[in-house]
Amino acid sequence: MLESIIKNYDELPLFLNAKNLSKVLGLSESSVYELMHEKGFPSICIGSRLVVPKEPLYREQAGRSQTLKAL
């Protein structure tokens, strides 16, 4: 799905699986799985799939960048 280069936020799918999220965040899939299982990270289970909705992911990343700017 993300074989092409994503140029902006609007091109992301509504839900990202570990493979897609690893490409977006620039992390390995195993690191993304660990992140997705952390308490407080915006991942949800749909059946047996673990996915991350793009809206909460965006808010999470925006909040982290604001914290870094404040430091």
PDB file of N, CA and C in Angstrom:
ATOM      1  N   MET A   1       0.828  -1.194   0.000  1.00  0.00           N
ATOM      2  CA  MET A   1       0.000   0.000   0.000  1.00  0.00           C
ATOM      3  C   MET A   1       0.870   1.254   0.000  1.00  0.00           C
ATOM      4  N   LEU A   2       1.897   1.307   0.832  1.00  0.00           N
ATOM      5  CA  LEU A   2       2.748   2.490   0.881  1.00  0.00           C
ATOM      6  C   LEU A   2       4.003   2.305   0.027  1.00  0.00           C
ATOM      7  N   GLU A   3       3.894   1.482  -1.026  1.00  0.00           N
ATOM      8  CA  GLU A   3       5.048   1.254  -1.884  1.00  0.00           C
ATOM      9  C   GLU A   3       5.497   2.555  -2.538  1.00  0.00           C
ATOM     10  N   SER A   4       4.553   3.422  -2.875  1.00  0.00           N
ATOM     11  CA  SER A   4       4.932   4.735  -3.387  1.00  0.00           C
ATOM     12  C   SER A   4       5.296   5.628  -2.207  1.00  0.00           C
ATOM     13  N   ILE A   5       5.957   6.695  -2.480  1.00  0.00           N
ATOM     14  CA  ILE A   5       6.378   7.606  -1.423  1.00  0.00           C
ATOM     15  C   ILE A   5       5.201   8.468  -1.001  1.00  0.00           C
ATOM     16  N   ILE A   6       4.922   8.461   0.296  1.00  0.00           N
ATOM     17  CA  ILE A   6       3.857   9.295   0.848  1.00  0.00           C
ATOM     18  C   ILE A   6       4.424  10.703   0.975  1.00  0.00           C
ATOM     19  N   LYS A   7       3.758  11.653   0.363  1.00  0.00           N
ATOM     20  CA  LYS A   7       4.268  13.016   0.363  1.00  0.00           C
ATOM     21  C   LYS A   7       3.663  13.892   1.440  1.00  0.00           C
ATOM     22  N   ASN A   8       2.463  13.543   1.908  1.00  0.00           N
ATOM     23  CA  ASN A   8       1.863  14.336   2.972  1.00  0.00           C
ATOM     24  C   ASN A   8       0.895  13.486   3.783  1.00  0.00           C
ATOM     25  N   TYR A   9       0.437  14.066   4.864  1.00  0.00           N
ATOM     26  CA  TYR A   9      -0.438  13.393   5.815  1.00  0.00           C
ATOM     27  C   TYR A   9      -1.734  12.894   5.176  1.00  0.00           C
ATOM     28  N   ASP A  10      -2.294  13.654   4.262  1.00  0.00           N
ATOM     29  CA  ASP A  10      -3.569  13.303   3.643  1.00  0.00           C
ATOM     30  C   ASP A  10      -3.497  12.030   2.807  1.00  0.00           C
ATOM     31  N   GLU A  11      -2.312  11.640   2.382  1.00  0.00           N
ATOM     32  CA  GLU A  11      -2.158  10.437   1.568  1.00  0.00           C
ATOM     33  C   GLU A  11      -2.075   9.159   2.401  1.00  0.00           C
ATOM     34  N   LEU A  12      -1.962   9.289   3.711  1.00  0.00           N
ATOM     35  CA  LEU A  12      -1.901   8.101   4.567  1.00  0.00           C
ATOM     36  C   LEU A  12      -3.246   7.399   4.617  1.00  0.00           C
ATOM     37  N   PRO A  13      -3.233   6.064   4.754  1.00  0.00           N
ATOM     38  CA  PRO A  13      -4.508   5.364   4.952  1.00  0.00           C
ATOM     39  C   PRO A  13      -5.089   5.718   6.324  1.00  0.00           C
ATOM     40  N   LEU A  14      -6.379   5.470   6.527  1.00  0.00           N
ATOM     41  CA  LEU A  14      -7.022   5.805   7.806  1.00  0.00           C
ATOM     42  C   LEU A  14      -6.434   5.008   8.962  1.00  0.00           C
ATOM     43  N   PHE A  15      -6.050   3.749   8.707  1.00  0.00           N
ATOM     44  CA  PHE A  15      -5.442   2.900   9.722  1.00  0.00           C
ATOM     45  C   PHE A  15      -4.117   2.379   9.195  1.00  0.00           C
ATOM     46  N   LEU A  16      -3.092   2.429  10.026  1.00  0.00           N
ATOM     47  CA  LEU A  16      -1.779   1.956   9.623  1.00  0.00           C
ATOM     48  C   LEU A  16      -1.435   0.684  10.389  1.00  0.00           C
ATOM     49  N   ASN A  17      -0.983  -0.336   9.662  1.00  0.00           N
ATOM     50  CA  ASN A  17      -0.507  -1.539  10.321  1.00  0.00           C
ATOM     51  C   ASN A  17       0.984  -1.363  10.628  1.00  0.00           C
ATOM     52  N   ALA A  18       1.592  -2.367  11.217  1.00  0.00           N
ATOM     53  CA  ALA A  18       2.988  -2.243  11.639  1.00  0.00           C
ATOM     54  C   ALA A  18       3.928  -1.996  10.451  1.00  0.00           C
ATOM     55  N   LYS A  19       3.669  -2.652   9.342  1.00  0.00           N
ATOM     56  CA  LYS A  19       4.527  -2.479   8.166  1.00  0.00           C
ATOM     57  C   LYS A  19       4.460  -1.039   7.646  1.00  0.00           C
ATOM     58  N   ASN A  20       3.249  -0.513   7.516  1.00  0.00           N
ATOM     59  CA  ASN A  20       3.076   0.867   7.044  1.00  0.00           C
ATOM     60  C   ASN A  20       3.651   1.861   8.036  1.00  0.00           C
ATOM     61  N   LEU A  21       3.391   1.626   9.306  1.00  0.00           N
ATOM     62  CA  LEU A  21       3.864   2.538  10.345  1.00  0.00           C
ATOM     63  C   LEU A  21       5.385   2.565  10.412  1.00  0.00           C
ATOM     64  N   SER A  22       6.017   1.425  10.177  1.00  0.00           N
ATOM     65  CA  SER A  22       7.480   1.386  10.197  1.00  0.00           C
ATOM     66  C   SER A  22       8.067   2.253   9.083  1.00  0.00           C
ATOM     67  N   LYS A  23       7.385   2.293   7.938  1.00  0.00           N
ATOM     68  CA  LYS A  23       7.848   3.139   6.833  1.00  0.00           C
ATOM     69  C   LYS A  23       7.644   4.620   7.149  1.00  0.00           C
ATOM     70  N   VAL A  24       6.518   4.929   7.778  1.00  0.00           N
ATOM     71  CA  VAL A  24       6.215   6.323   8.106  1.00  0.00           C
ATOM     72  C   VAL A  24       7.170   6.855   9.174  1.00  0.00           C
ATOM     73  N   LEU A  25       7.422   6.045  10.212  1.00  0.00           N
ATOM     74  CA  LEU A  25       8.250   6.496  11.326  1.00  0.00           C
ATOM     75  C   LEU A  25       9.741   6.249  11.116  1.00  0.00           C
ATOM     76  N   GLY A  26      10.076   5.434  10.114  1.00  0.00           N
ATOM     77  CA  GLY A  26      11.482   5.132   9.867  1.00  0.00           C
ATOM     78  C   GLY A  26      12.073   4.198  10.914  1.00  0.00           C
ATOM     79  N   LEU A  27      11.242   3.294  11.443  1.00  0.00           N
ATOM     80  CA  LEU A  27      11.677   2.329  12.442  1.00  0.00           C
ATOM     81  C   LEU A  27      11.528   0.918  11.876  1.00  0.00           C
ATOM     82  N   SER A  28      12.180  -0.045  12.527  1.00  0.00           N
ATOM     83  CA  SER A  28      12.000  -1.432  12.116  1.00  0.00           C
ATOM     84  C   SER A  28      10.615  -1.909  12.526  1.00  0.00           C
ATOM     85  N   GLU A  29      10.132  -2.941  11.864  1.00  0.00           N
ATOM     86  CA  GLU A  29       8.812  -3.475  12.208  1.00  0.00           C
ATOM     87  C   GLU A  29       8.776  -3.987  13.640  1.00  0.00           C
ATOM     88  N   SER A  30       9.864  -4.598  14.101  1.00  0.00           N
ATOM     89  CA  SER A  30       9.871  -5.102  15.481  1.00  0.00           C
ATOM     90  C   SER A  30       9.793  -3.954  16.484  1.00  0.00           C
ATOM     91  N   SER A  31      10.457  -2.838  16.194  1.00  0.00           N
ATOM     92  CA  SER A  31      10.367  -1.667  17.073  1.00  0.00           C
ATOM     93  C   SER A  31       8.960  -1.091  17.076  1.00  0.00           C
ATOM     94  N   VAL A  32       8.314  -1.106  15.911  1.00  0.00           N
ATOM     95  CA  VAL A  32       6.949  -0.591  15.803  1.00  0.00           C
ATOM     96  C   VAL A  32       5.990  -1.473  16.592  1.00  0.00           C
ATOM     97  N   TYR A  33       6.173  -2.800  16.529  1.00  0.00           N
ATOM     98  CA  TYR A  33       5.314  -3.699  17.311  1.00  0.00           C
ATOM     99  C   TYR A  33       5.454  -3.410  18.801  1.00  0.00           C
ATOM    100  N   GLU A  34       6.683  -3.194  19.260  1.00  0.00           N
ATOM    101  CA  GLU A  34       6.885  -2.846  20.669  1.00  0.00           C
ATOM    102  C   GLU A  34       6.176  -1.545  21.007  1.00  0.00           C
ATOM    103  N   LEU A  35       6.308  -0.565  20.152  1.00  0.00           N
ATOM    104  CA  LEU A  35       5.664   0.732  20.356  1.00  0.00           C
ATOM    105  C   LEU A  35       4.144   0.594  20.390  1.00  0.00           C
ATOM    106  N   MET A  36       3.603  -0.212  19.491  1.00  0.00           N
ATOM    107  CA  MET A  36       2.157  -0.395  19.415  1.00  0.00           C
ATOM    108  C   MET A  36       1.596  -1.074  20.664  1.00  0.00           C
ATOM    109  N   HIS A  37       2.425  -1.813  21.380  1.00  0.00           N
ATOM    110  CA  HIS A  37       1.981  -2.488  22.602  1.00  0.00           C
ATOM    111  C   HIS A  37       2.207  -1.654  23.859  1.00  0.00           C
ATOM    112  N   GLU A  38       2.841  -0.503  23.734  1.00  0.00           N
ATOM    113  CA  GLU A  38       3.061   0.359  24.900  1.00  0.00           C
ATOM    114  C   GLU A  38       1.750   0.970  25.372  1.00  0.00           C
ATOM    115  N   LYS A  39       1.619   1.056  26.673  1.00  0.00           N
ATOM    116  CA  LYS A  39       0.431   1.679  27.256  1.00  0.00           C
ATOM    117  C   LYS A  39       0.425   3.162  26.861  1.00  0.00           C
ATOM    118  N   GLY A  40      -0.718   3.648  26.436  1.00  0.00           N
ATOM    119  CA  GLY A  40      -0.839   5.049  26.060  1.00  0.00           C
ATOM    120  C   GLY A  40      -0.622   5.326  24.583  1.00  0.00           C
ATOM    121  N   PHE A  41      -0.029   4.359  23.847  1.00  0.00           N
ATOM    122  CA  PHE A  41       0.141   4.566  22.409  1.00  0.00           C
ATOM    123  C   PHE A  41      -1.200   4.304  21.736  1.00  0.00           C
ATOM    124  N   PRO A  42      -1.579   5.100  20.744  1.00  0.00           N
ATOM    125  CA  PRO A  42      -2.941   5.022  20.185  1.00  0.00           C
ATOM    126  C   PRO A  42      -3.184   3.856  19.222  1.00  0.00           C
ATOM    127  N   SER A  43      -2.895   2.637  19.653  1.00  0.00           N
ATOM    128  CA  SER A  43      -3.167   1.478  18.798  1.00  0.00           C
ATOM    129  C   SER A  43      -4.461   0.802  19.253  1.00  0.00           C
ATOM    130  N   ILE A  44      -5.133   0.170  18.301  1.00  0.00           N
ATOM    131  CA  ILE A  44      -6.379  -0.527  18.619  1.00  0.00           C
ATOM    132  C   ILE A  44      -6.360  -1.900  17.951  1.00  0.00           C
ATOM    133  N   CYS A  45      -7.112  -2.831  18.515  1.00  0.00           N
ATOM    134  CA  CYS A  45      -7.263  -4.160  17.934  1.00  0.00           C
ATOM    135  C   CYS A  45      -8.554  -4.201  17.136  1.00  0.00           C
ATOM    136  N   ILE A  46      -8.456  -4.654  15.908  1.00  0.00           N
ATOM    137  CA  ILE A  46      -9.625  -4.899  15.074  1.00  0.00           C
ATOM    138  C   ILE A  46      -9.536  -6.378  14.707  1.00  0.00           C
ATOM    139  N   GLY A  47     -10.346  -7.170  15.377  1.00  0.00           N
ATOM    140  CA  GLY A  47     -10.222  -8.612  15.228  1.00  0.00           C
ATOM    141  C   GLY A  47      -8.886  -9.037  15.808  1.00  0.00           C
ATOM    142  N   SER A  48      -8.064  -9.663  15.005  1.00  0.00           N
ATOM    143  CA  SER A  48      -6.732 -10.061  15.466  1.00  0.00           C
ATOM    144  C   SER A  48      -5.643  -9.093  14.996  1.00  0.00           C
ATOM    145  N   ARG A  49      -6.045  -8.029  14.290  1.00  0.00           N
ATOM    146  CA  ARG A  49      -5.077  -7.059  13.760  1.00  0.00           C
ATOM    147  C   ARG A  49      -4.869  -5.922  14.741  1.00  0.00           C
ATOM    148  N   LEU A  50      -3.633  -5.484  14.859  1.00  0.00           N
ATOM    149  CA  LEU A  50      -3.290  -4.325  15.666  1.00  0.00           C
ATOM    150  C   LEU A  50      -2.968  -3.190  14.700  1.00  0.00           C
ATOM    151  N   VAL A  51      -3.713  -2.098  14.781  1.00  0.00           N
ATOM    152  CA  VAL A  51      -3.547  -0.972  13.865  1.00  0.00           C
ATOM    153  C   VAL A  51      -3.532   0.334  14.639  1.00  0.00           C
ATOM    154  N   VAL A  52      -3.090   1.378  13.959  1.00  0.00           N
ATOM    155  CA  VAL A  52      -3.049   2.716  14.556  1.00  0.00           C
ATOM    156  C   VAL A  52      -3.825   3.663  13.646  1.00  0.00           C
ATOM    157  N   PRO A  53      -4.875   4.297  14.164  1.00  0.00           N
ATOM    158  CA  PRO A  53      -5.595   5.286  13.353  1.00  0.00           C
ATOM    159  C   PRO A  53      -4.697   6.490  13.075  1.00  0.00           C
ATOM    160  N   LYS A  54      -4.800   7.062  11.897  1.00  0.00           N
ATOM    161  CA  LYS A  54      -3.875   8.142  11.561  1.00  0.00           C
ATOM    162  C   LYS A  54      -4.117   9.415  12.369  1.00  0.00           C
ATOM    163  N   GLU A  55      -5.352   9.726  12.744  1.00  0.00           N
ATOM    164  CA  GLU A  55      -5.622  10.959  13.512  1.00  0.00           C
ATOM    165  C   GLU A  55      -4.926  10.965  14.873  1.00  0.00           C
ATOM    166  N   PRO A  56      -5.136   9.934  15.707  1.00  0.00           N
ATOM    167  CA  PRO A  56      -4.434   9.937  17.000  1.00  0.00           C
ATOM    168  C   PRO A  56      -2.918   9.870  16.848  1.00  0.00           C
ATOM    169  N   LEU A  57      -2.446   9.193  15.804  1.00  0.00           N
ATOM    170  CA  LEU A  57      -1.003   9.138  15.563  1.00  0.00           C
ATOM    171  C   LEU A  57      -0.477  10.538  15.277  1.00  0.00           C
ATOM    172  N   TYR A  58      -1.203  11.294  14.472  1.00  0.00           N
ATOM    173  CA  TYR A  58      -0.796  12.654  14.142  1.00  0.00           C
ATOM    174  C   TYR A  58      -0.760  13.521  15.400  1.00  0.00           C
ATOM    175  N   ARG A  59      -1.785  13.410  16.235  1.00  0.00           N
ATOM    176  CA  ARG A  59      -1.820  14.199  17.473  1.00  0.00           C
ATOM    177  C   ARG A  59      -0.677  13.807  18.401  1.00  0.00           C
ATOM    178  N   GLU A  60      -0.381  12.501  18.476  1.00  0.00           N
ATOM    179  CA  GLU A  60       0.719  12.010  19.309  1.00  0.00           C
ATOM    180  C   GLU A  60       2.046  12.604  18.836  1.00  0.00           C
ATOM    181  N   GLN A  61       2.292  12.572  17.528  1.00  0.00           N
ATOM    182  CA  GLN A  61       3.541  13.087  16.976  1.00  0.00           C
ATOM    183  C   GLN A  61       3.611  14.604  17.112  1.00  0.00           C
ATOM    184  N   ALA A  62       2.495  15.294  16.919  1.00  0.00           N
ATOM    185  CA  ALA A  62       2.466  16.755  17.062  1.00  0.00           C
ATOM    186  C   ALA A  62       2.758  17.142  18.505  1.00  0.00           C
ATOM    187  N   GLY A  63       2.216  16.408  19.452  1.00  0.00           N
ATOM    188  CA  GLY A  63       2.469  16.679  20.866  1.00  0.00           C
ATOM    189  C   GLY A  63       3.923  16.480  21.232  1.00  0.00           C
ATOM    190  N   ARG A  64       4.554  15.460  20.668  1.00  0.00           N
ATOM    191  CA  ARG A  64       5.972  15.208  20.949  1.00  0.00           C
ATOM    192  C   ARG A  64       6.843  16.316  20.380  1.00  0.00           C
ATOM    193  N   SER A  65       6.512  16.802  19.182  1.00  0.00           N
ATOM    194  CA  SER A  65       7.328  17.861  18.591  1.00  0.00           C
ATOM    195  C   SER A  65       7.172  19.161  19.377  1.00  0.00           C
ATOM    196  N   GLN A  66       5.983  19.432  19.904  1.00  0.00           N
ATOM    197  CA  GLN A  66       5.780  20.629  20.719  1.00  0.00           C
ATOM    198  C   GLN A  66       6.590  20.533  22.008  1.00  0.00           C
ATOM    199  N   THR A  67       6.660  19.334  22.590  1.00  0.00           N
ATOM    200  CA  THR A  67       7.445  19.140  23.806  1.00  0.00           C
ATOM    201  C   THR A  67       8.921  19.379  23.521  1.00  0.00           C
ATOM    202  N   LEU A  68       9.397  18.888  22.382  1.00  0.00           N
ATOM    203  CA  LEU A  68      10.805  19.094  22.036  1.00  0.00           C
ATOM    204  C   LEU A  68      11.115  20.568  21.798  1.00  0.00           C
ATOM    205  N   LYS A  69      10.197  21.295  21.168  1.00  0.00           N
ATOM    206  CA  LYS A  69      10.410  22.719  20.928  1.00  0.00           C
ATOM    207  C   LYS A  69      10.480  23.491  22.236  1.00  0.00           C
ATOM    208  N   ALA A  70       9.710  23.055  23.229  1.00  0.00           N
ATOM    209  CA  ALA A  70       9.685  23.737  24.528  1.00  0.00           C
ATOM    210  C   ALA A  70      10.996  23.549  25.286  1.00  0.00           C
ATOM    211  N   LEU A  71      11.708  22.441  25.006  1.00  0.00           N
ATOM    212  CA  LEU A  71      12.985  22.194  25.687  1.00  0.00           C
ATOM    213  C   LEU A  71      14.030  23.082  25.079  1.00  0.00           C
TER     214      LEU A  71
END
